[in-house]
PDB file of N, CA and C in Angstrom:
ATOM      1  N   MET A   1       0.854  -1.179   0.000  1.00  0.00           N
ATOM      2  CA  MET A   1       0.000   0.000   0.000  1.00  0.00           C
ATOM      3  C   MET A   1       0.894   1.233   0.000  1.00  0.00           C
ATOM      4  N   LYS A   2       0.632   2.127  -0.934  1.00  0.00           N
ATOM      5  CA  LYS A   2       1.429   3.347  -1.018  1.00  0.00           C
ATOM      6  C   LYS A   2       0.769   4.461  -0.217  1.00  0.00           C
ATOM      7  N   ILE A   3       1.580   5.119   0.615  1.00  0.00           N
ATOM      8  CA  ILE A   3       1.109   6.194   1.482  1.00  0.00           C
ATOM      9  C   ILE A   3       1.904   7.456   1.186  1.00  0.00           C
ATOM     10  N   LEU A   4       1.195   8.551   0.969  1.00  0.00           N
ATOM     11  CA  LEU A   4       1.840   9.845   0.774  1.00  0.00           C
ATOM     12  C   LEU A   4       1.671  10.643   2.065  1.00  0.00           C
ATOM     13  N   VAL A   5       2.785  11.028   2.672  1.00  0.00           N
ATOM     14  CA  VAL A   5       2.768  11.829   3.894  1.00  0.00           C
ATOM     15  C   VAL A   5       3.093  13.269   3.507  1.00  0.00           C
ATOM     16  N   VAL A   6       2.192  14.191   3.875  1.00  0.00           N
ATOM     17  CA  VAL A   6       2.373  15.602   3.529  1.00  0.00           C
ATOM     18  C   VAL A   6       2.558  16.387   4.826  1.00  0.00           C
ATOM     19  N   ASP A   7       3.765  16.913   5.013  1.00  0.00           N
ATOM     20  CA  ASP A   7       4.063  17.668   6.235  1.00  0.00           C
ATOM     21  C   ASP A   7       5.253  18.564   5.955  1.00  0.00           C
ATOM     22  N   ASP A   8       5.177  19.819   6.399  1.00  0.00           N
ATOM     23  CA  ASP A   8       6.272  20.759   6.133  1.00  0.00           C
ATOM     24  C   ASP A   8       7.467  20.544   7.069  1.00  0.00           C
ATOM     25  N   GLU A   9       7.337  19.691   8.068  1.00  0.00           N
ATOM     26  CA  GLU A   9       8.458  19.435   8.975  1.00  0.00           C
ATOM     27  C   GLU A   9       9.324  18.307   8.420  1.00  0.00           C
ATOM     28  N   ALA A  10      10.591  18.623   8.174  1.00  0.00           N
ATOM     29  CA  ALA A  10      11.499  17.659   7.543  1.00  0.00           C
ATOM     30  C   ALA A  10      11.751  16.422   8.416  1.00  0.00           C
ATOM     31  N   ASP A  11      11.603  16.548   9.745  1.00  0.00           N
ATOM     32  CA  ASP A  11      11.891  15.403  10.619  1.00  0.00           C
ATOM     33  C   ASP A  11      10.811  14.326  10.593  1.00  0.00           C
ATOM     34  N   VAL A  12       9.719  14.587   9.886  1.00  0.00           N
ATOM     35  CA  VAL A  12       8.629  13.615   9.797  1.00  0.00           C
ATOM     36  C   VAL A  12       9.069  12.390   8.990  1.00  0.00           C
ATOM     37  N   GLN A  13       9.805  12.620   7.902  1.00  0.00           N
ATOM     38  CA  GLN A  13      10.204  11.508   7.031  1.00  0.00           C
ATOM     39  C   GLN A  13      11.035  10.451   7.764  1.00  0.00           C
ATOM     40  N   PRO A  14      12.149  10.812   8.421  1.00  0.00           N
ATOM     41  CA  PRO A  14      12.907   9.759   9.111  1.00  0.00           C
ATOM     42  C   PRO A  14      12.103   9.080  10.222  1.00  0.00           C
ATOM     43  N   LEU A  15      11.221   9.821  10.851  1.00  0.00           N
ATOM     44  CA  LEU A  15      10.383   9.250  11.914  1.00  0.00           C
ATOM     45  C   LEU A  15       9.484   8.143  11.354  1.00  0.00           C
ATOM     46  N   PHE A  16       8.800   8.409  10.250  1.00  0.00           N
ATOM     47  CA  PHE A  16       7.931   7.403   9.629  1.00  0.00           C
ATOM     48  C   PHE A  16       8.740   6.199   9.154  1.00  0.00           C
ATOM     49  N   LEU A  17       9.885   6.471   8.514  1.00  0.00           N
ATOM     50  CA  LEU A  17      10.701   5.376   7.991  1.00  0.00           C
ATOM     51  C   LEU A  17      11.207   4.489   9.119  1.00  0.00           C
ATOM     52  N   GLN A  18      11.492   5.093  10.257  1.00  0.00           N
ATOM     53  CA  GLN A  18      11.959   4.311  11.399  1.00  0.00           C
ATOM     54  C   GLN A  18      10.816   3.524  12.033  1.00  0.00           C
ATOM     55  N   ARG A  19       9.668   4.177  12.252  1.00  0.00           N
ATOM     56  CA  ARG A  19       8.535   3.533  12.915  1.00  0.00           C
ATOM     57  C   ARG A  19       7.913   2.410  12.092  1.00  0.00           C
ATOM     58  N   PHE A  20       8.055   2.488  10.766  1.00  0.00           N
ATOM     59  CA  PHE A  20       7.427   1.491   9.891  1.00  0.00           C
ATOM     60  C   PHE A  20       8.458   0.647   9.153  1.00  0.00           C
ATOM     61  N   ARG A  21       9.696   0.565   9.700  1.00  0.00           N
ATOM     62  CA  ARG A  21      10.744  -0.127   8.935  1.00  0.00           C
ATOM     63  C   ARG A  21      10.420  -1.597   8.670  1.00  0.00           C
ATOM     64  N   LYS A  22       9.778  -2.276   9.627  1.00  0.00           N
ATOM     65  CA  LYS A  22       9.418  -3.689   9.410  1.00  0.00           C
ATOM     66  C   LYS A  22       8.421  -3.819   8.262  1.00  0.00           C
ATOM     67  N   GLU A  23       7.394  -2.958   8.269  1.00  0.00           N
ATOM     68  CA  GLU A  23       6.364  -3.005   7.229  1.00  0.00           C
ATOM     69  C   GLU A  23       6.937  -2.636   5.858  1.00  0.00           C
ATOM     70  N   ILE A  24       7.894  -1.709   5.858  1.00  0.00           N
ATOM     71  CA  ILE A  24       8.536  -1.299   4.601  1.00  0.00           C
ATOM     72  C   ILE A  24       9.395  -2.443   4.072  1.00  0.00           C
ATOM     73  N   ARG A  25      10.170  -3.058   4.970  1.00  0.00           N
ATOM     74  CA  ARG A  25      11.032  -4.170   4.566  1.00  0.00           C
ATOM     75  C   ARG A  25      10.213  -5.342   4.035  1.00  0.00           C
ATOM     76  N   ALA A  26       9.042  -5.560   4.617  1.00  0.00           N
ATOM     77  CA  ALA A  26       8.170  -6.662   4.188  1.00  0.00           C
ATOM     78  C   ALA A  26       7.336  -6.284   2.960  1.00  0.00           C
ATOM     79  N   HIS A  27       7.562  -5.081   2.433  1.00  0.00           N
ATOM     80  CA  HIS A  27       6.834  -4.567   1.258  1.00  0.00           C
ATOM     81  C   HIS A  27       5.329  -4.493   1.499  1.00  0.00           C
ATOM     82  N   GLU A  28       4.936  -4.284   2.760  1.00  0.00           N
ATOM     83  CA  GLU A  28       3.518  -4.104   3.074  1.00  0.00           C
ATOM     84  C   GLU A  28       3.114  -2.647   2.851  1.00  0.00           C
ATOM     85  N   LEU A  29       4.044  -1.753   3.179  1.00  0.00           N
ATOM     86  CA  LEU A  29       3.785  -0.321   3.045  1.00  0.00           C
ATOM     87  C   LEU A  29       4.923   0.335   2.274  1.00  0.00           C
ATOM     88  N   GLU A  30       4.566   1.358   1.525  1.00  0.00           N
ATOM     89  CA  GLU A  30       5.561   2.153   0.819  1.00  0.00           C
ATOM     90  C   GLU A  30       5.219   3.615   1.081  1.00  0.00           C
ATOM     91  N   PHE A  31       6.214   4.390   1.495  1.00  0.00           N
ATOM     92  CA  PHE A  31       5.976   5.790   1.831  1.00  0.00           C
ATOM     93  C   PHE A  31       6.636   6.721   0.822  1.00  0.00           C
ATOM     94  N   ASP A  32       5.915   7.774   0.478  1.00  0.00           N
ATOM     95  CA  ASP A  32       6.492   8.902  -0.235  1.00  0.00           C
ATOM     96  C   ASP A  32       6.146  10.133   0.586  1.00  0.00           C
ATOM     97  N   PHE A  33       6.934  11.193   0.402  1.00  0.00           N
ATOM     98  CA  PHE A  33       6.774  12.376   1.251  1.00  0.00           C
ATOM     99  C   PHE A  33       6.716  13.644   0.408  1.00  0.00           C
ATOM    100  N   ALA A  34       5.875  14.566   0.841  1.00  0.00           N
ATOM    101  CA  ALA A  34       5.795  15.893   0.225  1.00  0.00           C
ATOM    102  C   ALA A  34       5.866  16.908   1.360  1.00  0.00           C
ATOM    103  N   LEU A  35       6.606  17.991   1.126  1.00  0.00           N
ATOM    104  CA  LEU A  35       6.801  18.996   2.173  1.00  0.00           C
ATOM    105  C   LEU A  35       5.765  20.117   2.126  1.00  0.00           C
ATOM    106  N   SER A  36       4.848  20.061   1.144  1.00  0.00           N
ATOM    107  CA  SER A  36       3.819  21.100   1.045  1.00  0.00           C
ATOM    108  C   SER A  36       2.614  20.543   0.295  1.00  0.00           C
ATOM    109  N   GLY A  37       1.502  21.246   0.416  1.00  0.00           N
ATOM    110  CA  GLY A  37       0.309  20.879  -0.324  1.00  0.00           C
ATOM    111  C   GLY A  37       0.545  20.963  -1.823  1.00  0.00           C
ATOM    112  N   GLU A  38       1.280  21.992  -2.234  1.00  0.00           N
ATOM    113  CA  GLU A  38       1.577  22.171  -3.654  1.00  0.00           C
ATOM    114  C   GLU A  38       2.387  20.992  -4.189  1.00  0.00           C
ATOM    115  N   GLU A  39       3.398  20.578  -3.407  1.00  0.00           N
ATOM    116  CA  GLU A  39       4.239  19.440  -3.801  1.00  0.00           C
ATOM    117  C   GLU A  39       3.403  18.152  -3.856  1.00  0.00           C
ATOM    118  N   ALA A  40       2.474  18.010  -2.924  1.00  0.00           N
ATOM    119  CA  ALA A  40       1.604  16.830  -2.906  1.00  0.00           C
ATOM    120  C   ALA A  40       0.735  16.780  -4.156  1.00  0.00           C
ATOM    121  N   LEU A  41       0.193  17.916  -4.577  1.00  0.00           N
ATOM    122  CA  LEU A  41      -0.645  17.941  -5.783  1.00  0.00           C
ATOM    123  C   LEU A  41       0.160  17.580  -7.028  1.00  0.00           C
ATOM    124  N   LYS A  42       1.413  18.074  -7.113  1.00  0.00           N
ATOM    125  CA  LYS A  42       2.283  17.720  -8.246  1.00  0.00           C
ATOM    126  C   LYS A  42       2.514  16.215  -8.263  1.00  0.00           C
ATOM    127  N   TYR A  43       2.789  15.659  -7.101  1.00  0.00           N
ATOM    128  CA  TYR A  43       3.021  14.217  -6.972  1.00  0.00           C
ATOM    129  C   TYR A  43       1.776  13.448  -7.424  1.00  0.00           C
ATOM    130  N   LEU A  44       0.606  13.887  -6.967  1.00  0.00           N
ATOM    131  CA  LEU A  44      -0.643  13.194  -7.297  1.00  0.00           C
ATOM    132  C   LEU A  44      -0.987  13.288  -8.782  1.00  0.00           C
ATOM    133  N   GLU A  45      -0.606  14.390  -9.420  1.00  0.00           N
ATOM    134  CA  GLU A  45      -0.850  14.517 -10.866  1.00  0.00           C
ATOM    135  C   GLU A  45      -0.210  13.360 -11.610  1.00  0.00           C
ATOM    136  N   GLU A  46       0.966  12.944 -11.146  1.00  0.00           N
ATOM    137  CA  GLU A  46       1.705  11.883 -11.835  1.00  0.00           C
ATOM    138  C   GLU A  46       1.349  10.486 -11.333  1.00  0.00           C
ATOM    139  N   ARG A  47       0.980  10.366 -10.051  1.00  0.00           N
ATOM    140  CA  ARG A  47       0.857   9.027  -9.476  1.00  0.00           C
ATOM    141  C   ARG A  47      -0.401   8.797  -8.648  1.00  0.00           C
ATOM    142  N   HIS A  48      -1.479   9.532  -8.881  1.00  0.00           N
ATOM    143  CA  HIS A  48      -2.631   9.413  -7.968  1.00  0.00           C
ATOM    144  C   HIS A  48      -3.215   8.007  -7.932  1.00  0.00           C
ATOM    145  N   SER A  49      -3.108   7.264  -9.029  1.00  0.00           N
ATOM    146  CA  SER A  49      -3.710   5.930  -9.033  1.00  0.00           C
ATOM    147  C   SER A  49      -2.958   4.955  -8.134  1.00  0.00           C
ATOM    148  N   GLU A  50      -1.693   5.274  -7.803  1.00  0.00           N
ATOM    149  CA  GLU A  50      -0.900   4.388  -6.943  1.00  0.00           C
ATOM    150  C   GLU A  50      -1.177   4.633  -5.456  1.00  0.00           C
ATOM    151  N   VAL A  51      -1.586   5.856  -5.125  1.00  0.00           N
ATOM    152  CA  VAL A  51      -1.693   6.251  -3.725  1.00  0.00           C
ATOM    153  C   VAL A  51      -3.012   5.756  -3.119  1.00  0.00           C
ATOM    154  N   VAL A  52      -2.892   5.002  -2.032  1.00  0.00           N
ATOM    155  CA  VAL A  52      -4.071   4.478  -1.354  1.00  0.00           C
ATOM    156  C   VAL A  52      -4.470   5.394  -0.198  1.00  0.00           C
ATOM    157  N   LEU A  53      -3.460   5.952   0.474  1.00  0.00           N
ATOM    158  CA  LEU A  53      -3.706   6.765   1.660  1.00  0.00           C
ATOM    159  C   LEU A  53      -2.850   8.021   1.625  1.00  0.00           C
ATOM    160  N   ILE A  54      -3.458   9.135   2.018  1.00  0.00           N
ATOM    161  CA  ILE A  54      -2.717  10.383   2.177  1.00  0.00           C
ATOM    162  C   ILE A  54      -2.850  10.798   3.637  1.00  0.00           C
ATOM    163  N   LEU A  55      -1.709  11.024   4.275  1.00  0.00           N
ATOM    164  CA  LEU A  55      -1.666  11.547   5.645  1.00  0.00           C
ATOM    165  C   LEU A  55      -1.188  12.982   5.521  1.00  0.00           C
ATOM    166  N   SER A  56      -2.040  13.940   5.839  1.00  0.00           N
ATOM    167  CA  SER A  56      -1.649  15.334   5.642  1.00  0.00           C
ATOM    168  C   SER A  56      -1.764  16.156   6.912  1.00  0.00           C
ATOM    169  N   ASP A  57      -0.711  16.916   7.156  1.00  0.00           N
ATOM    170  CA  ASP A  57      -0.733  17.911   8.220  1.00  0.00           C
ATOM    171  C   ASP A  57      -1.736  18.992   7.804  1.00  0.00           C
ATOM    172  N   ILE A  58      -2.350  19.641   8.773  1.00  0.00           N
ATOM    173  CA  ILE A  58      -3.287  20.723   8.445  1.00  0.00           C
ATOM    174  C   ILE A  58      -2.566  22.061   8.368  1.00  0.00           C
ATOM    175  N   ASN A  59      -1.734  22.347   9.361  1.00  0.00           N
ATOM    176  CA  ASN A  59      -1.090  23.657   9.440  1.00  0.00           C
ATOM    177  C   ASN A  59       0.257  23.656   8.722  1.00  0.00           C
ATOM    178  N   MET A  60       0.236  24.159   7.476  1.00  0.00           N
ATOM    179  CA  MET A  60       1.459  24.241   6.677  1.00  0.00           C
ATOM    180  C   MET A  60       1.494  25.618   6.023  1.00  0.00           C
ATOM    181  N   PRO A  61       2.709  26.133   5.766  1.00  0.00           N
ATOM    182  CA  PRO A  61       2.787  27.400   5.035  1.00  0.00           C
ATOM    183  C   PRO A  61       2.289  27.197   3.613  1.00  0.00           C
ATOM    184  N   GLY A  62       1.772  28.254   2.992  1.00  0.00           N
ATOM    185  CA  GLY A  62       1.221  28.114   1.648  1.00  0.00           C
ATOM    186  C   GLY A  62      -0.136  27.441   1.736  1.00  0.00           C
ATOM    187  N   MET A  63      -0.316  26.386   0.982  1.00  0.00           N
ATOM    188  CA  MET A  63      -1.594  25.679   0.965  1.00  0.00           C
ATOM    189  C   MET A  63      -1.774  24.873   2.255  1.00  0.00           C
ATOM    190  N   SER A  64      -2.883  25.097   2.941  1.00  0.00           N
ATOM    191  CA  SER A  64      -3.141  24.339   4.176  1.00  0.00           C
ATOM    192  C   SER A  64      -3.580  22.924   3.840  1.00  0.00           C
ATOM    193  N   GLY A  65      -3.536  22.053   4.824  1.00  0.00           N
ATOM    194  CA  GLY A  65      -4.015  20.687   4.630  1.00  0.00           C
ATOM    195  C   GLY A  65      -5.483  20.634   4.260  1.00  0.00           C
ATOM    196  N   ILE A  66      -6.272  21.577   4.779  1.00  0.00           N
ATOM    197  CA  ILE A  66      -7.710  21.623   4.454  1.00  0.00           C
ATOM    198  C   ILE A  66      -7.891  21.960   2.976  1.00  0.00           C
ATOM    199  N   GLU A  67      -7.108  22.930   2.480  1.00  0.00           N
ATOM    200  CA  GLU A  67      -7.183  23.283   1.052  1.00  0.00           C
ATOM    201  C   GLU A  67      -6.758  22.100   0.187  1.00  0.00           C
ATOM    202  N   LEU A  68      -5.680  21.432   0.604  1.00  0.00           N
ATOM    203  CA  LEU A  68      -5.200  20.256  -0.123  1.00  0.00           C
ATOM    204  C   LEU A  68      -6.296  19.184  -0.164  1.00  0.00           C
ATOM    205  N   LEU A  69      -6.919  18.942   0.969  1.00  0.00           N
ATOM    206  CA  LEU A  69      -7.991  17.953   1.068  1.00  0.00           C
ATOM    207  C   LEU A  69      -9.128  18.281   0.097  1.00  0.00           C
ATOM    208  N   SER A  70      -9.563  19.533   0.060  1.00  0.00           N
ATOM    209  CA  SER A  70     -10.679  19.870  -0.825  1.00  0.00           C
ATOM    210  C   SER A  70     -10.274  19.737  -2.287  1.00  0.00           C
ATOM    211  N   ARG A  71      -9.007  20.032  -2.619  1.00  0.00           N
ATOM    212  CA  ARG A  71      -8.526  19.839  -4.002  1.00  0.00           C
ATOM    213  C   ARG A  71      -8.501  18.353  -4.356  1.00  0.00           C
ATOM    214  N   ILE A  72      -8.035  17.520  -3.426  1.00  0.00           N
ATOM    215  CA  ILE A  72      -7.988  16.072  -3.665  1.00  0.00           C
ATOM    216  C   ILE A  72      -9.404  15.543  -3.898  1.00  0.00           C
ATOM    217  N   ARG A  73     -10.341  15.948  -3.044  1.00  0.00           N
ATOM    218  CA  ARG A  73     -11.725  15.473  -3.173  1.00  0.00           C
ATOM    219  C   ARG A  73     -12.376  15.963  -4.466  1.00  0.00           C
ATOM    220  N   HIS A  74     -11.952  17.140  -4.928  1.00  0.00           N
ATOM    221  CA  HIS A  74     -12.513  17.697  -6.163  1.00  0.00           C
ATOM    222  C   HIS A  74     -11.902  17.022  -7.396  1.00  0.00           C
ATOM    223  N   ASP A  75     -10.581  16.775  -7.360  1.00  0.00           N
ATOM    224  CA  ASP A  75      -9.863  16.326  -8.555  1.00  0.00           C
ATOM    225  C   ASP A  75      -9.757  14.813  -8.713  1.00  0.00           C
ATOM    226  N   TYR A  76      -9.833  14.072  -7.604  1.00  0.00           N
ATOM    227  CA  TYR A  76      -9.568  12.626  -7.681  1.00  0.00           C
ATOM    228  C   TYR A  76     -10.732  11.826  -7.128  1.00  0.00           C
ATOM    229  N   GLU A  77     -11.651  11.504  -8.015  1.00  0.00           N
ATOM    230  CA  GLU A  77     -12.822  10.749  -7.575  1.00  0.00           C
ATOM    231  C   GLU A  77     -12.596   9.245  -7.692  1.00  0.00           C
ATOM    232  N   ALA A  78     -11.876   8.824  -8.713  1.00  0.00           N
ATOM    233  CA  ALA A  78     -11.719   7.390  -8.944  1.00  0.00           C
ATOM    234  C   ALA A  78     -10.264   7.035  -9.165  1.00  0.00           C
ATOM    235  N   PRO A  79      -9.687   6.189  -8.358  1.00  0.00           N
ATOM    236  CA  PRO A  79     -10.240   5.774  -7.064  1.00  0.00           C
ATOM    237  C   PRO A  79      -9.957   6.860  -6.038  1.00  0.00           C
ATOM    238  N   PRO A  80     -10.894   7.144  -5.148  1.00  0.00           N
ATOM    239  CA  PRO A  80     -10.624   8.205  -4.172  1.00  0.00           C
ATOM    240  C   PRO A  80      -9.656   7.701  -3.101  1.00  0.00           C
ATOM    241  N   PRO A  81      -8.563   8.431  -2.866  1.00  0.00           N
ATOM    242  CA  PRO A  81      -7.657   7.994  -1.804  1.00  0.00           C
ATOM    243  C   PRO A  81      -8.293   8.220  -0.433  1.00  0.00           C
ATOM    244  N   VAL A  82      -7.872   7.417   0.526  1.00  0.00           N
ATOM    245  CA  VAL A  82      -8.260   7.648   1.913  1.00  0.00           C
ATOM    246  C   VAL A  82      -7.389   8.803   2.406  1.00  0.00           C
ATOM    247  N   VAL A  83      -8.012   9.794   3.047  1.00  0.00           N
ATOM    248  CA  VAL A  83      -7.239  10.946   3.532  1.00  0.00           C
ATOM    249  C   VAL A  83      -7.427  11.083   5.034  1.00  0.00           C
ATOM    250  N   MET A  84      -6.300  11.040   5.769  1.00  0.00           N
ATOM    251  CA  MET A  84      -6.307  11.282   7.213  1.00  0.00           C
ATOM    252  C   MET A  84      -5.590  12.598   7.458  1.00  0.00           C
ATOM    253  N   MET A  85      -6.218  13.470   8.215  1.00  0.00           N
ATOM    254  CA  MET A  85      -5.623  14.761   8.529  1.00  0.00           C
ATOM    255  C   MET A  85      -4.904  14.680   9.869  1.00  0.00           C
ATOM    256  N   ILE A  86      -3.783  15.396   9.950  1.00  0.00           N
ATOM    257  CA  ILE A  86      -2.977  15.408  11.176  1.00  0.00           C
ATOM    258  C   ILE A  86      -2.793  16.854  11.612  1.00  0.00           C
ATOM    259  N   THR A  87      -2.997  17.112  12.891  1.00  0.00           N
ATOM    260  CA  THR A  87      -2.754  18.463  13.389  1.00  0.00           C
ATOM    261  C   THR A  87      -2.232  18.412  14.818  1.00  0.00           C
ATOM    262  N   ALA A  88      -1.432  19.396  15.142  1.00  0.00           N
ATOM    263  CA  ALA A  88      -0.917  19.503  16.507  1.00  0.00           C
ATOM    264  C   ALA A  88      -1.991  20.055  17.432  1.00  0.00           C
ATOM    265  N   TYR A  89      -3.008  20.623  16.828  1.00  0.00           N
ATOM    266  CA  TYR A  89      -4.039  21.268  17.630  1.00  0.00           C
ATOM    267  C   TYR A  89      -5.302  20.430  17.561  1.00  0.00           C
ATOM    268  N   GLY A  90      -5.770  19.942  18.686  1.00  0.00           N
ATOM    269  CA  GLY A  90      -6.988  19.148  18.681  1.00  0.00           C
ATOM    270  C   GLY A  90      -8.209  20.037  18.727  1.00  0.00           C
ATOM    271  N   ASP A  91      -8.134  21.175  18.004  1.00  0.00           N
ATOM    272  CA  ASP A  91      -9.252  22.121  18.116  1.00  0.00           C
ATOM    273  C   ASP A  91     -10.419  21.695  17.235  1.00  0.00           C
ATOM    274  N   GLU A  92     -11.592  22.034  17.682  1.00  0.00           N
ATOM    275  CA  GLU A  92     -12.820  21.627  17.007  1.00  0.00           C
ATOM    276  C   GLU A  92     -12.942  22.205  15.606  1.00  0.00           C
ATOM    277  N   GLU A  93     -12.464  23.422  15.410  1.00  0.00           N
ATOM    278  CA  GLU A  93     -12.624  24.074  14.096  1.00  0.00           C
ATOM    279  C   GLU A  93     -11.887  23.292  13.004  1.00  0.00           C
ATOM    280  N   ASN A  94     -10.624  22.926  13.259  1.00  0.00           N
ATOM    281  CA  ASN A  94      -9.869  22.137  12.268  1.00  0.00           C
ATOM    282  C   ASN A  94     -10.544  20.799  12.026  1.00  0.00           C
ATOM    283  N   HIS A  95     -11.007  20.167  13.094  1.00  0.00           N
ATOM    284  CA  HIS A  95     -11.663  18.865  12.979  1.00  0.00           C
ATOM    285  C   HIS A  95     -12.924  19.003  12.125  1.00  0.00           C
ATOM    286  N   ARG A  96     -13.728  20.006  12.408  1.00  0.00           N
ATOM    287  CA  ARG A  96     -14.979  20.228  11.676  1.00  0.00           C
ATOM    288  C   ARG A  96     -14.693  20.485  10.188  1.00  0.00           C
ATOM    289  N   GLN A  97     -13.724  21.360   9.925  1.00  0.00           N
ATOM    290  CA  GLN A  97     -13.393  21.680   8.531  1.00  0.00           C
ATOM    291  C   GLN A  97     -12.871  20.453   7.797  1.00  0.00           C
ATOM    292  N   ALA A  98     -12.041  19.667   8.468  1.00  0.00           N
ATOM    293  CA  ALA A  98     -11.488  18.464   7.836  1.00  0.00           C
ATOM    294  C   ALA A  98     -12.610  17.494   7.478  1.00  0.00           C
ATOM    295  N   MET A  99     -13.540  17.273   8.394  1.00  0.00           N
ATOM    296  CA  MET A  99     -14.624  16.335   8.137  1.00  0.00           C
ATOM    297  C   MET A  99     -15.579  16.876   7.057  1.00  0.00           C
ATOM    298  N   GLN A 100     -15.843  18.176   7.080  1.00  0.00           N
ATOM    299  CA  GLN A 100     -16.723  18.783   6.061  1.00  0.00           C
ATOM    300  C   GLN A 100     -16.123  18.660   4.662  1.00  0.00           C
ATOM    301  N   ASN A 101     -14.800  18.677   4.594  1.00  0.00           N
ATOM    302  CA  ASN A 101     -14.127  18.600   3.295  1.00  0.00           C
ATOM    303  C   ASN A 101     -13.826  17.172   2.865  1.00  0.00           C
ATOM    304  N   GLY A 102     -14.319  16.192   3.617  1.00  0.00           N
ATOM    305  CA  GLY A 102     -14.207  14.812   3.161  1.00  0.00           C
ATOM    306  C   GLY A 102     -13.070  14.007   3.745  1.00  0.00           C
ATOM    307  N   ALA A 103     -12.513  14.437   4.880  1.00  0.00           N
ATOM    308  CA  ALA A 103     -11.467  13.624   5.515  1.00  0.00           C
ATOM    309  C   ALA A 103     -12.071  12.309   5.999  1.00  0.00           C
ATOM    310  N   ASN A 104     -11.287  11.240   5.885  1.00  0.00           N
ATOM    311  CA  ASN A 104     -11.739   9.943   6.380  1.00  0.00           C
ATOM    312  C   ASN A 104     -11.453   9.782   7.865  1.00  0.00           C
ATOM    313  N   ASP A 105     -10.428  10.489   8.337  1.00  0.00           N
ATOM    314  CA  ASP A 105     -10.054  10.339   9.735  1.00  0.00           C
ATOM    315  C   ASP A 105      -9.228  11.550  10.147  1.00  0.00           C
ATOM    316  N   PHE A 106      -8.950  11.647  11.445  1.00  0.00           N
ATOM    317  CA  PHE A 106      -8.303  12.821  12.017  1.00  0.00           C
ATOM    318  C   PHE A 106      -7.372  12.344  13.129  1.00  0.00           C
ATOM    319  N   LEU A 107      -6.117  12.724  13.063  1.00  0.00           N
ATOM    320  CA  LEU A 107      -5.137  12.327  14.069  1.00  0.00           C
ATOM    321  C   LEU A 107      -4.482  13.577  14.656  1.00  0.00           C
ATOM    322  N   THR A 108      -4.013  13.472  15.888  1.00  0.00           N
ATOM    323  CA  THR A 108      -3.334  14.627  16.489  1.00  0.00           C
ATOM    324  C   THR A 108      -1.867  14.307  16.745  1.00  0.00           C
ATOM    325  N   LYS A 109      -1.054  15.367  16.693  1.00  0.00           N
ATOM    326  CA  LYS A 109       0.367  15.257  17.014  1.00  0.00           C
ATOM    327  C   LYS A 109       0.539  15.460  18.511  1.00  0.00           C
ATOM    328  N   PRO A 110       1.509  14.838  19.141  1.00  0.00           N
ATOM    329  CA  PRO A 110       2.420  13.872  18.530  1.00  0.00           C
ATOM    330  C   PRO A 110       1.681  12.600  18.130  1.00  0.00           C
ATOM    331  N   LEU A 111       2.032  12.076  16.968  1.00  0.00           N
ATOM    332  CA  LEU A 111       1.332  10.916  16.434  1.00  0.00           C
ATOM    333  C   LEU A 111       1.502   9.692  17.322  1.00  0.00           C
ATOM    334  N   ASP A 112       0.401   9.011  17.538  1.00  0.00           N
ATOM    335  CA  ASP A 112       0.418   7.720  18.212  1.00  0.00           C
ATOM    336  C   ASP A 112       0.576   6.678  17.102  1.00  0.00           C
ATOM    337  N   PHE A 113       1.801   6.195  16.909  1.00  0.00           N
ATOM    338  CA  PHE A 113       2.070   5.292  15.787  1.00  0.00           C
ATOM    339  C   PHE A 113       1.381   3.939  15.945  1.00  0.00           C
ATOM    340  N   ASN A 114       1.167   3.507  17.176  1.00  0.00           N
ATOM    341  CA  ASN A 114       0.436   2.248  17.372  1.00  0.00           C
ATOM    342  C   ASN A 114      -1.012   2.397  16.911  1.00  0.00           C
ATOM    343  N   LEU A 115      -1.615   3.528  17.237  1.00  0.00           N
ATOM    344  CA  LEU A 115      -2.982   3.810  16.780  1.00  0.00           C
ATOM    345  C   LEU A 115      -3.019   3.903  15.258  1.00  0.00           C
ATOM    346  N   LEU A 116      -2.042   4.580  14.674  1.00  0.00           N
ATOM    347  CA  LEU A 116      -1.978   4.718  13.222  1.00  0.00           C
ATOM    348  C   LEU A 116      -1.857   3.340  12.567  1.00  0.00           C
ATOM    349  N   LYS A 117      -1.011   2.469  13.128  1.00  0.00           N
ATOM    350  CA  LYS A 117      -0.851   1.122  12.562  1.00  0.00           C
ATOM    351  C   LYS A 117      -2.166   0.345  12.610  1.00  0.00           C
ATOM    352  N   GLU A 118      -2.911   0.511  13.693  1.00  0.00           N
ATOM    353  CA  GLU A 118      -4.226  -0.149  13.790  1.00  0.00           C
ATOM    354  C   GLU A 118      -5.168   0.365  12.706  1.00  0.00           C
ATOM    355  N   LYS A 119      -5.161   1.683  12.505  1.00  0.00           N
ATOM    356  CA  LYS A 119      -6.035   2.277  11.490  1.00  0.00           C
ATOM    357  C   LYS A 119      -5.631   1.818  10.087  1.00  0.00           C
ATOM    358  N   LEU A 120      -4.339   1.669   9.847  1.00  0.00           N
ATOM    359  CA  LEU A 120      -3.856   1.231   8.530  1.00  0.00           C
ATOM    360  C   LEU A 120      -4.321  -0.188   8.228  1.00  0.00           C
ATOM    361  N   LYS A 121      -4.374  -1.031   9.252  1.00  0.00           N
ATOM    362  CA  LYS A 121      -4.832  -2.414   9.051  1.00  0.00           C
ATOM    363  C   LYS A 121      -6.268  -2.446   8.529  1.00  0.00           C
ATOM    364  N   THR A 122      -7.102  -1.525   8.983  1.00  0.00           N
ATOM    365  CA  THR A 122      -8.501  -1.526   8.529  1.00  0.00           C
ATOM    366  C   THR A 122      -8.615  -1.075   7.073  1.00  0.00           C
ATOM    367  N   ILE A 123      -7.647  -0.266   6.611  1.00  0.00           N
ATOM    368  CA  ILE A 123      -7.665   0.196   5.223  1.00  0.00           C
ATOM    369  C   ILE A 123      -7.230  -0.925   4.285  1.00  0.00           C
ATOM    370  N   VAL A 124      -6.221  -1.680   4.719  1.00  0.00           N
ATOM    371  CA  VAL A 124      -5.664  -2.752   3.896  1.00  0.00           C
ATOM    372  C   VAL A 124      -6.692  -3.854   3.678  1.00  0.00           C
ATOM    373  N   GLU A 125      -7.499  -4.124   4.679  1.00  0.00           N
ATOM    374  CA  GLU A 125      -8.434  -5.257   4.597  1.00  0.00           C
ATOM    375  C   GLU A 125      -9.572  -5.015   3.639  1.00  0.00           C
TER     376      GLU A 125
END
């Protein structure tokens, strides 16, 4: 399963690669990373059919995760990727906006990787 992680913090990539190294080695999961919403859209233009799940931060410079989510929902209907939004702020407004724009799920930072792994299992099945 290919997962695109969208987050402007550069330390996110090594963290994911470390936390999921067993799954990556077993070829269960494959990760790609984008540092902005704009970069994620460029990536999706070329490879949207490969991506099963998008994990996107909400608070990013330039295009926010909410804007990215609404663009994904508008531009990619078939097959629609599963989109989980991530934010450091568990505030109701971000949660409401994410759900209104078609998010499948909502996670808060710091990420609970065990919870994320459980959620990923339900997508794979």
